[in-house]
Amino acid sequence: MKRRLYFLFPDTAQAGTAVRDLTNNGVPETRMHCVARADVDLAGLPAATGRQRRDIMHHLERRLWNGNLILFGIAGIALFLALVWGSVAGAFVAAAVVLASLAGGALFALRLPDTALDEFHAALQHGEVLLMVDVSRDCVEDVEELMRHRHPEAVAGGSSWTVDAFGV
């Protein structure tokens, strides 16, 4: 699983300079994705795919979270019913599902960063360019430091998680 870092730039020229600096520092251009409003020309910049523009990962994340909440609720009800009916085996299975769902939810809520593309809507409407950079967890600090030192005009917009599948 990779981390997606978000950086806002006032214009395409500054975003292009950042893309070149990142490329020179070992980040492949295929790991960078730019988003801007429709009338901003992204020529020369790595454009985001349609799935990245629709923020599929955020929608998947919401579905996983809601599914986990539903599973937790059903397992909690099953645990209660198993205890009322005196089913020891049912109670153990339901308790195991409740604990697994609780652990998964805690991991999801506490360990995975969450930034959605919707958070940048206003900036994009003002003509700014959003650069998304996908790097491994151990490279996050290096990329953030490079952007801080070489591109003070860039506004760091947070991070989220992504996977190397389906162009997301």
N, C-alpha and C. Protein backbone atom coordinates (compact mmCIF):
# COMPACT_ATOMS: atom_id res chain seq x y z
N MET A 1 0.84 -1.16 0.00
CA MET A 1 0.00 0.00 0.00
C MET A 1 0.90 1.24 0.00
N LYS A 2 0.52 2.21 -0.77
CA LYS A 2 1.29 3.44 -0.90
C LYS A 2 0.56 4.58 -0.22
N ARG A 3 1.30 5.65 0.01
CA ARG A 3 0.73 6.89 0.52
C ARG A 3 0.59 7.86 -0.64
N ARG A 4 -0.52 8.55 -0.68
CA ARG A 4 -0.73 9.59 -1.67
C ARG A 4 -0.61 10.93 -0.97
N LEU A 5 0.36 11.73 -1.40
CA LEU A 5 0.58 13.05 -0.84
C LEU A 5 -0.03 14.09 -1.77
N TYR A 6 -0.64 15.11 -1.21
CA TYR A 6 -1.32 16.14 -1.98
C TYR A 6 -0.59 17.47 -1.81
N PHE A 7 -0.33 18.14 -2.94
CA PHE A 7 0.31 19.45 -2.92
C PHE A 7 -0.43 20.37 -3.88
N LEU A 8 -0.79 21.55 -3.41
CA LEU A 8 -1.46 22.55 -4.24
C LEU A 8 -0.45 23.57 -4.74
N PHE A 9 -0.53 23.89 -6.03
CA PHE A 9 0.34 24.89 -6.64
C PHE A 9 -0.51 25.99 -7.26
N PRO A 10 0.00 27.23 -7.22
CA PRO A 10 -0.78 28.35 -7.78
C PRO A 10 -0.96 28.26 -9.30
N ASP A 11 -0.01 27.63 -10.00
CA ASP A 11 -0.13 27.54 -11.46
C ASP A 11 0.61 26.32 -12.00
N THR A 12 0.45 26.08 -13.30
CA THR A 12 1.04 24.90 -13.92
C THR A 12 2.55 24.98 -14.02
N ALA A 13 3.10 26.18 -14.15
CA ALA A 13 4.56 26.31 -14.26
C ALA A 13 5.24 25.82 -12.98
N GLN A 14 4.73 26.23 -11.84
CA GLN A 14 5.33 25.80 -10.58
C GLN A 14 5.10 24.31 -10.34
N ALA A 15 3.94 23.81 -10.74
CA ALA A 15 3.69 22.37 -10.62
C ALA A 15 4.64 21.60 -11.52
N GLY A 16 4.92 22.12 -12.72
CA GLY A 16 5.85 21.46 -13.63
C GLY A 16 7.26 21.41 -13.06
N THR A 17 7.69 22.47 -12.41
CA THR A 17 9.00 22.49 -11.77
C THR A 17 9.08 21.45 -10.66
N ALA A 18 8.02 21.32 -9.89
CA ALA A 18 7.98 20.33 -8.82
C ALA A 18 8.01 18.91 -9.39
N VAL A 19 7.30 18.68 -10.48
CA VAL A 19 7.30 17.36 -11.12
C VAL A 19 8.72 17.02 -11.57
N ARG A 20 9.41 17.97 -12.18
CA ARG A 20 10.80 17.73 -12.61
C ARG A 20 11.71 17.45 -11.43
N ASP A 21 11.56 18.21 -10.34
CA ASP A 21 12.39 17.97 -9.15
C ASP A 21 12.12 16.59 -8.55
N LEU A 22 10.87 16.22 -8.49
CA LEU A 22 10.54 14.90 -7.96
C LEU A 22 11.09 13.80 -8.86
N THR A 23 11.00 13.98 -10.16
CA THR A 23 11.54 12.99 -11.09
C THR A 23 13.05 12.88 -10.93
N ASN A 24 13.71 14.01 -10.78
CA ASN A 24 15.17 14.01 -10.58
C ASN A 24 15.57 13.37 -9.25
N ASN A 25 14.65 13.30 -8.32
CA ASN A 25 14.93 12.69 -7.02
C ASN A 25 14.37 11.28 -6.89
N GLY A 26 14.08 10.65 -8.02
CA GLY A 26 13.73 9.24 -8.01
C GLY A 26 12.27 8.87 -7.98
N VAL A 27 11.38 9.84 -8.04
CA VAL A 27 9.95 9.53 -8.07
C VAL A 27 9.55 9.42 -9.54
N PRO A 28 9.11 8.25 -9.98
CA PRO A 28 8.72 8.10 -11.38
C PRO A 28 7.51 8.97 -11.72
N GLU A 29 7.48 9.48 -12.93
CA GLU A 29 6.37 10.34 -13.34
C GLU A 29 5.04 9.58 -13.32
N THR A 30 5.10 8.26 -13.45
CA THR A 30 3.87 7.46 -13.39
C THR A 30 3.25 7.47 -12.00
N ARG A 31 3.99 7.92 -10.99
CA ARG A 31 3.50 8.00 -9.61
C ARG A 31 3.00 9.40 -9.27
N MET A 32 2.93 10.28 -10.27
CA MET A 32 2.46 11.64 -10.05
C MET A 32 1.23 11.89 -10.92
N HIS A 33 0.27 12.62 -10.36
CA HIS A 33 -0.99 12.85 -11.05
C HIS A 33 -1.44 14.28 -10.75
N CYS A 34 -1.74 15.04 -11.80
CA CYS A 34 -2.19 16.42 -11.63
C CYS A 34 -3.68 16.54 -11.93
N VAL A 35 -4.34 17.37 -11.15
CA VAL A 35 -5.75 17.66 -11.33
C VAL A 35 -5.92 19.17 -11.31
N ALA A 36 -6.75 19.67 -12.20
CA ALA A 36 -7.10 21.09 -12.24
C ALA A 36 -8.49 21.21 -12.84
N ARG A 37 -9.04 22.40 -12.79
CA ARG A 37 -10.36 22.56 -13.41
C ARG A 37 -10.22 22.41 -14.93
N ALA A 38 -11.33 22.26 -15.60
CA ALA A 38 -11.35 21.88 -17.02
C ALA A 38 -10.61 22.86 -17.93
N ASP A 39 -10.63 24.14 -17.63
CA ASP A 39 -10.02 25.11 -18.54
C ASP A 39 -8.53 25.34 -18.28
N VAL A 40 -7.93 24.66 -17.33
CA VAL A 40 -6.50 24.78 -17.05
C VAL A 40 -5.76 23.75 -17.91
N ASP A 41 -4.78 24.22 -18.68
CA ASP A 41 -4.03 23.35 -19.58
C ASP A 41 -2.95 22.61 -18.79
N LEU A 42 -3.06 21.28 -18.74
CA LEU A 42 -2.10 20.46 -18.00
C LEU A 42 -1.06 19.84 -18.94
N ALA A 43 -0.88 20.43 -20.11
CA ALA A 43 0.11 19.90 -21.06
C ALA A 43 1.49 19.90 -20.41
N GLY A 44 2.19 18.79 -20.53
CA GLY A 44 3.52 18.65 -19.94
C GLY A 44 3.50 18.15 -18.52
N LEU A 45 2.32 18.03 -17.94
CA LEU A 45 2.19 17.51 -16.57
C LEU A 45 1.52 16.14 -16.62
N PRO A 46 1.85 15.27 -15.68
CA PRO A 46 1.19 13.95 -15.65
C PRO A 46 -0.25 14.09 -15.19
N ALA A 47 -1.17 13.93 -16.10
CA ALA A 47 -2.59 14.10 -15.78
C ALA A 47 -3.13 12.90 -15.01
N ALA A 48 -4.08 13.16 -14.16
CA ALA A 48 -4.73 12.10 -13.39
C ALA A 48 -5.70 11.33 -14.29
N THR A 49 -5.88 10.07 -13.98
CA THR A 49 -6.84 9.25 -14.72
C THR A 49 -8.26 9.63 -14.28
N GLY A 50 -9.22 9.14 -15.00
CA GLY A 50 -10.61 9.39 -14.64
C GLY A 50 -10.96 8.86 -13.26
N ARG A 51 -10.44 7.70 -12.93
CA ARG A 51 -10.70 7.12 -11.61
C ARG A 51 -10.08 7.97 -10.51
N GLN A 52 -8.90 8.52 -10.77
CA GLN A 52 -8.27 9.37 -9.77
C GLN A 52 -9.05 10.67 -9.62
N ARG A 53 -9.55 11.20 -10.72
CA ARG A 53 -10.35 12.44 -10.65
C ARG A 53 -11.66 12.22 -9.90
N ARG A 54 -12.23 11.02 -9.99
CA ARG A 54 -13.47 10.71 -9.28
C ARG A 54 -13.20 10.28 -7.84
N ASP A 55 -11.94 10.14 -7.47
CA ASP A 55 -11.54 9.78 -6.11
C ASP A 55 -12.16 8.44 -5.69
N ILE A 56 -11.94 7.43 -6.52
CA ILE A 56 -12.49 6.10 -6.29
C ILE A 56 -12.04 5.54 -4.94
N MET A 57 -10.79 5.79 -4.55
CA MET A 57 -10.30 5.25 -3.28
C MET A 57 -11.10 5.79 -2.09
N HIS A 58 -11.47 7.05 -2.14
CA HIS A 58 -12.26 7.61 -1.04
C HIS A 58 -13.64 6.94 -0.97
N HIS A 59 -14.24 6.70 -2.13
CA HIS A 59 -15.54 6.03 -2.16
C HIS A 59 -15.41 4.59 -1.65
N LEU A 60 -14.35 3.90 -2.05
CA LEU A 60 -14.10 2.54 -1.56
C LEU A 60 -13.90 2.55 -0.05
N GLU A 61 -13.16 3.52 0.43
CA GLU A 61 -12.91 3.65 1.86
C GLU A 61 -14.22 3.83 2.63
N ARG A 62 -15.09 4.68 2.13
CA ARG A 62 -16.39 4.90 2.79
C ARG A 62 -17.22 3.61 2.79
N ARG A 63 -17.21 2.89 1.67
CA ARG A 63 -17.98 1.64 1.60
C ARG A 63 -17.42 0.61 2.58
N LEU A 64 -16.09 0.50 2.66
CA LEU A 64 -15.49 -0.44 3.61
C LEU A 64 -15.84 -0.07 5.04
N TRP A 65 -15.79 1.22 5.35
CA TRP A 65 -16.11 1.67 6.69
C TRP A 65 -17.57 1.36 7.03
N ASN A 66 -18.48 1.69 6.13
CA ASN A 66 -19.90 1.43 6.38
C ASN A 66 -20.18 -0.07 6.47
N GLY A 67 -19.53 -0.86 5.63
CA GLY A 67 -19.68 -2.31 5.69
C GLY A 67 -19.20 -2.86 7.02
N ASN A 68 -18.09 -2.33 7.51
CA ASN A 68 -17.58 -2.77 8.81
C ASN A 68 -18.54 -2.39 9.94
N LEU A 69 -19.13 -1.22 9.86
CA LEU A 69 -20.10 -0.82 10.89
C LEU A 69 -21.33 -1.74 10.88
N ILE A 70 -21.80 -2.08 9.69
CA ILE A 70 -22.94 -2.99 9.57
C ILE A 70 -22.59 -4.36 10.13
N LEU A 71 -21.40 -4.87 9.77
CA LEU A 71 -20.95 -6.17 10.28
C LEU A 71 -20.85 -6.14 11.81
N PHE A 72 -20.31 -5.07 12.36
CA PHE A 72 -20.19 -4.93 13.80
C PHE A 72 -21.57 -4.97 14.46
N GLY A 73 -22.52 -4.23 13.89
CA GLY A 73 -23.86 -4.20 14.45
C GLY A 73 -24.55 -5.55 14.40
N ILE A 74 -24.45 -6.23 13.26
CA ILE A 74 -25.07 -7.55 13.12
C ILE A 74 -24.43 -8.55 14.09
N ALA A 75 -23.10 -8.50 14.18
CA ALA A 75 -22.41 -9.42 15.09
C ALA A 75 -22.76 -9.10 16.55
N GLY A 76 -22.93 -7.83 16.87
CA GLY A 76 -23.34 -7.46 18.23
C GLY A 76 -24.71 -7.98 18.57
N ILE A 77 -25.64 -7.87 17.62
CA ILE A 77 -26.99 -8.41 17.83
C ILE A 77 -26.93 -9.92 17.95
N ALA A 78 -26.13 -10.57 17.10
CA ALA A 78 -25.99 -12.03 17.16
C ALA A 78 -25.39 -12.46 18.50
N LEU A 79 -24.45 -11.72 19.01
CA LEU A 79 -23.86 -12.03 20.32
C LEU A 79 -24.92 -11.94 21.41
N PHE A 80 -25.68 -10.86 21.37
CA PHE A 80 -26.76 -10.70 22.36
C PHE A 80 -27.74 -11.86 22.29
N LEU A 81 -28.18 -12.21 21.08
CA LEU A 81 -29.14 -13.31 20.92
C LEU A 81 -28.54 -14.65 21.35
N ALA A 82 -27.26 -14.86 21.04
CA ALA A 82 -26.61 -16.12 21.44
C ALA A 82 -26.55 -16.22 22.96
N LEU A 83 -26.28 -15.12 23.63
CA LEU A 83 -26.25 -15.14 25.09
C LEU A 83 -27.65 -15.36 25.67
N VAL A 84 -28.68 -14.75 25.08
CA VAL A 84 -30.05 -14.92 25.55
C VAL A 84 -30.50 -16.36 25.38
N TRP A 85 -30.15 -16.96 24.24
CA TRP A 85 -30.56 -18.34 23.96
C TRP A 85 -29.62 -19.37 24.56
N GLY A 86 -28.54 -18.95 25.15
CA GLY A 86 -27.62 -19.87 25.79
C GLY A 86 -26.74 -20.66 24.84
N SER A 87 -26.49 -20.14 23.68
CA SER A 87 -25.65 -20.82 22.69
C SER A 87 -24.19 -20.38 22.88
N VAL A 88 -23.42 -21.27 23.51
CA VAL A 88 -22.02 -20.95 23.78
C VAL A 88 -21.23 -20.82 22.50
N ALA A 89 -21.41 -21.75 21.59
CA ALA A 89 -20.67 -21.72 20.31
C ALA A 89 -21.04 -20.46 19.52
N GLY A 90 -22.33 -20.15 19.48
CA GLY A 90 -22.77 -18.94 18.77
C GLY A 90 -22.21 -17.69 19.40
N ALA A 91 -22.14 -17.66 20.73
CA ALA A 91 -21.59 -16.51 21.43
C ALA A 91 -20.11 -16.32 21.11
N PHE A 92 -19.37 -17.44 21.06
CA PHE A 92 -17.93 -17.34 20.74
C PHE A 92 -17.71 -16.84 19.31
N VAL A 93 -18.49 -17.37 18.38
CA VAL A 93 -18.35 -16.94 16.97
C VAL A 93 -18.72 -15.46 16.84
N ALA A 94 -19.83 -15.08 17.43
CA ALA A 94 -20.26 -13.68 17.34
C ALA A 94 -19.25 -12.75 18.02
N ALA A 95 -18.74 -13.17 19.17
CA ALA A 95 -17.74 -12.35 19.87
C ALA A 95 -16.46 -12.22 19.03
N ALA A 96 -16.06 -13.29 18.36
CA ALA A 96 -14.88 -13.23 17.50
C ALA A 96 -15.10 -12.25 16.35
N VAL A 97 -16.30 -12.26 15.75
CA VAL A 97 -16.61 -11.34 14.66
C VAL A 97 -16.64 -9.90 15.17
N VAL A 98 -17.23 -9.68 16.35
CA VAL A 98 -17.26 -8.34 16.94
C VAL A 98 -15.84 -7.84 17.17
N LEU A 99 -14.98 -8.68 17.74
CA LEU A 99 -13.60 -8.27 18.01
C LEU A 99 -12.82 -8.01 16.72
N ALA A 100 -13.02 -8.86 15.71
CA ALA A 100 -12.33 -8.66 14.43
C ALA A 100 -12.80 -7.38 13.76
N SER A 101 -14.09 -7.11 13.82
CA SER A 101 -14.63 -5.89 13.24
C SER A 101 -14.13 -4.66 14.01
N LEU A 102 -14.07 -4.77 15.32
CA LEU A 102 -13.55 -3.68 16.14
C LEU A 102 -12.09 -3.41 15.83
N ALA A 103 -11.29 -4.47 15.72
CA ALA A 103 -9.87 -4.31 15.39
C ALA A 103 -9.69 -3.71 14.00
N GLY A 104 -10.46 -4.19 13.03
CA GLY A 104 -10.39 -3.65 11.68
C GLY A 104 -10.79 -2.19 11.63
N GLY A 105 -11.84 -1.84 12.34
CA GLY A 105 -12.28 -0.44 12.40
C GLY A 105 -11.25 0.45 13.06
N ALA A 106 -10.63 -0.04 14.14
CA ALA A 106 -9.60 0.75 14.82
C ALA A 106 -8.40 0.95 13.92
N LEU A 107 -7.99 -0.09 13.22
CA LEU A 107 -6.87 0.02 12.28
C LEU A 107 -7.21 1.04 11.20
N PHE A 108 -8.40 0.95 10.68
CA PHE A 108 -8.86 1.84 9.63
C PHE A 108 -8.90 3.29 10.10
N ALA A 109 -9.47 3.51 11.27
CA ALA A 109 -9.67 4.87 11.77
C ALA A 109 -8.40 5.50 12.32
N LEU A 110 -7.53 4.69 12.91
CA LEU A 110 -6.37 5.25 13.60
C LEU A 110 -5.07 5.19 12.80
N ARG A 111 -4.96 4.27 11.84
CA ARG A 111 -3.68 4.07 11.17
C ARG A 111 -3.65 4.52 9.72
N LEU A 112 -4.79 4.58 9.05
CA LEU A 112 -4.79 4.96 7.65
C LEU A 112 -5.11 6.44 7.51
N PRO A 113 -4.21 7.19 6.84
CA PRO A 113 -4.48 8.61 6.63
C PRO A 113 -5.66 8.79 5.69
N ASP A 114 -6.35 9.91 5.83
CA ASP A 114 -7.56 10.11 5.04
C ASP A 114 -7.65 11.55 4.56
N THR A 115 -7.44 11.75 3.27
CA THR A 115 -7.65 13.03 2.63
C THR A 115 -8.45 12.75 1.37
N ALA A 116 -9.50 13.51 1.16
CA ALA A 116 -10.35 13.29 -0.01
C ALA A 116 -10.16 14.43 -1.00
N LEU A 117 -10.36 14.13 -2.26
CA LEU A 117 -10.22 15.12 -3.32
C LEU A 117 -11.21 16.26 -3.16
N ASP A 118 -12.36 15.99 -2.53
CA ASP A 118 -13.37 17.03 -2.31
C ASP A 118 -12.83 18.19 -1.49
N GLU A 119 -11.83 17.94 -0.66
CA GLU A 119 -11.26 18.99 0.18
C GLU A 119 -10.56 20.07 -0.63
N PHE A 120 -10.24 19.78 -1.88
CA PHE A 120 -9.50 20.72 -2.72
C PHE A 120 -10.40 21.40 -3.75
N HIS A 121 -11.68 21.19 -3.67
CA HIS A 121 -12.61 21.71 -4.68
C HIS A 121 -12.50 23.23 -4.84
N ALA A 122 -12.51 23.96 -3.75
CA ALA A 122 -12.46 25.43 -3.82
C ALA A 122 -11.16 25.91 -4.46
N ALA A 123 -10.05 25.31 -4.07
CA ALA A 123 -8.75 25.71 -4.64
C ALA A 123 -8.70 25.41 -6.14
N LEU A 124 -9.22 24.27 -6.52
CA LEU A 124 -9.23 23.91 -7.95
C LEU A 124 -10.11 24.87 -8.74
N GLN A 125 -11.20 25.31 -8.16
CA GLN A 125 -12.08 26.26 -8.84
C GLN A 125 -11.41 27.62 -9.03
N HIS A 126 -10.42 27.93 -8.21
CA HIS A 126 -9.68 29.19 -8.34
C HIS A 126 -8.51 29.06 -9.32
N GLY A 127 -8.37 27.91 -9.97
CA GLY A 127 -7.34 27.75 -10.98
C GLY A 127 -6.04 27.14 -10.48
N GLU A 128 -6.02 26.69 -9.24
CA GLU A 128 -4.81 26.06 -8.71
C GLU A 128 -4.68 24.64 -9.26
N VAL A 129 -3.48 24.10 -9.16
CA VAL A 129 -3.19 22.76 -9.66
C VAL A 129 -2.87 21.86 -8.47
N LEU A 130 -3.51 20.71 -8.43
CA LEU A 130 -3.26 19.74 -7.37
C LEU A 130 -2.35 18.65 -7.92
N LEU A 131 -1.23 18.45 -7.25
CA LEU A 131 -0.30 17.38 -7.60
C LEU A 131 -0.42 16.29 -6.56
N MET A 132 -0.76 15.09 -7.02
CA MET A 132 -0.84 13.93 -6.13
C MET A 132 0.38 13.07 -6.41
N VAL A 133 1.11 12.71 -5.36
CA VAL A 133 2.34 11.92 -5.50
C VAL A 133 2.17 10.65 -4.69
N ASP A 134 2.30 9.50 -5.36
CA ASP A 134 2.18 8.20 -4.70
C ASP A 134 3.57 7.65 -4.40
N VAL A 135 3.87 7.48 -3.12
CA VAL A 135 5.17 6.97 -2.70
C VAL A 135 4.98 5.93 -1.60
N SER A 136 6.02 5.15 -1.37
CA SER A 136 5.97 4.19 -0.27
C SER A 136 6.05 4.95 1.05
N ARG A 137 5.65 4.29 2.11
CA ARG A 137 5.61 4.94 3.43
C ARG A 137 6.96 5.49 3.85
N ASP A 138 8.03 4.79 3.51
CA ASP A 138 9.35 5.23 3.95
C ASP A 138 9.88 6.42 3.15
N CYS A 139 9.23 6.79 2.05
CA CYS A 139 9.66 7.95 1.25
C CYS A 139 8.85 9.21 1.52
N VAL A 140 7.84 9.13 2.35
CA VAL A 140 6.95 10.26 2.60
C VAL A 140 7.72 11.47 3.13
N GLU A 141 8.55 11.26 4.13
CA GLU A 141 9.28 12.38 4.72
C GLU A 141 10.24 13.02 3.73
N ASP A 142 10.88 12.21 2.89
CA ASP A 142 11.81 12.75 1.90
C ASP A 142 11.09 13.65 0.90
N VAL A 143 9.94 13.20 0.42
CA VAL A 143 9.18 14.00 -0.54
C VAL A 143 8.66 15.27 0.12
N GLU A 144 8.15 15.16 1.32
CA GLU A 144 7.64 16.34 2.02
C GLU A 144 8.76 17.35 2.28
N GLU A 145 9.93 16.86 2.65
CA GLU A 145 11.07 17.76 2.89
C GLU A 145 11.51 18.43 1.60
N LEU A 146 11.58 17.68 0.52
CA LEU A 146 11.94 18.26 -0.78
C LEU A 146 10.96 19.36 -1.16
N MET A 147 9.69 19.12 -1.00
CA MET A 147 8.68 20.11 -1.36
C MET A 147 8.77 21.34 -0.44
N ARG A 148 9.03 21.11 0.83
CA ARG A 148 9.13 22.23 1.77
C ARG A 148 10.32 23.13 1.44
N HIS A 149 11.46 22.51 1.09
CA HIS A 149 12.68 23.29 0.85
C HIS A 149 12.76 23.87 -0.55
N ARG A 150 12.35 23.11 -1.55
CA ARG A 150 12.50 23.57 -2.93
C ARG A 150 11.27 24.30 -3.47
N HIS A 151 10.12 24.06 -2.84
CA HIS A 151 8.87 24.65 -3.35
C HIS A 151 8.03 25.21 -2.22
N PRO A 152 8.46 26.31 -1.64
CA PRO A 152 7.68 26.90 -0.53
C PRO A 152 6.30 27.40 -0.98
N GLU A 153 6.12 27.58 -2.29
CA GLU A 153 4.81 28.02 -2.79
C GLU A 153 3.77 26.91 -2.74
N ALA A 154 4.23 25.67 -2.62
CA ALA A 154 3.32 24.53 -2.56
C ALA A 154 2.68 24.44 -1.18
N VAL A 155 1.40 24.18 -1.19
CA VAL A 155 0.66 23.99 0.05
C VAL A 155 0.45 22.50 0.22
N ALA A 156 1.02 21.94 1.28
CA ALA A 156 0.83 20.52 1.57
C ALA A 156 -0.61 20.32 2.00
N GLY A 157 -1.28 19.38 1.34
CA GLY A 157 -2.70 19.19 1.59
C GLY A 157 -3.06 17.91 2.30
N GLY A 158 -2.07 17.23 2.88
CA GLY A 158 -2.37 16.00 3.60
C GLY A 158 -1.95 14.77 2.83
N SER A 159 -2.43 13.63 3.31
CA SER A 159 -2.10 12.37 2.65
C SER A 159 -3.26 11.40 2.82
N SER A 160 -3.23 10.39 1.99
CA SER A 160 -4.20 9.31 2.09
C SER A 160 -3.49 8.04 1.65
N TRP A 161 -4.20 6.97 1.52
CA TRP A 161 -3.61 5.70 1.10
C TRP A 161 -4.09 5.37 -0.30
N THR A 162 -3.33 4.58 -0.99
CA THR A 162 -3.72 4.12 -2.31
C THR A 162 -3.08 2.77 -2.57
N VAL A 163 -3.57 2.07 -3.55
CA VAL A 163 -3.01 0.78 -3.94
C VAL A 163 -2.59 0.85 -5.40
N ASP A 164 -1.69 -0.05 -5.79
CA ASP A 164 -1.19 -0.06 -7.17
C ASP A 164 -2.08 -0.94 -8.04
N ALA A 165 -3.34 -0.62 -8.11
CA ALA A 165 -4.24 -1.44 -8.93
C ALA A 165 -5.29 -0.57 -9.59
N PHE A 166 -5.65 -0.93 -10.78
CA PHE A 166 -6.78 -0.35 -11.50
C PHE A 166 -6.66 1.15 -11.76
N GLY A 167 -5.47 1.70 -11.72
CA GLY A 167 -5.27 3.12 -12.02
C GLY A 167 -5.87 4.07 -11.02
N VAL A 168 -5.87 3.68 -9.77
CA VAL A 168 -6.41 4.55 -8.73
C VAL A 168 -5.27 5.12 -7.94
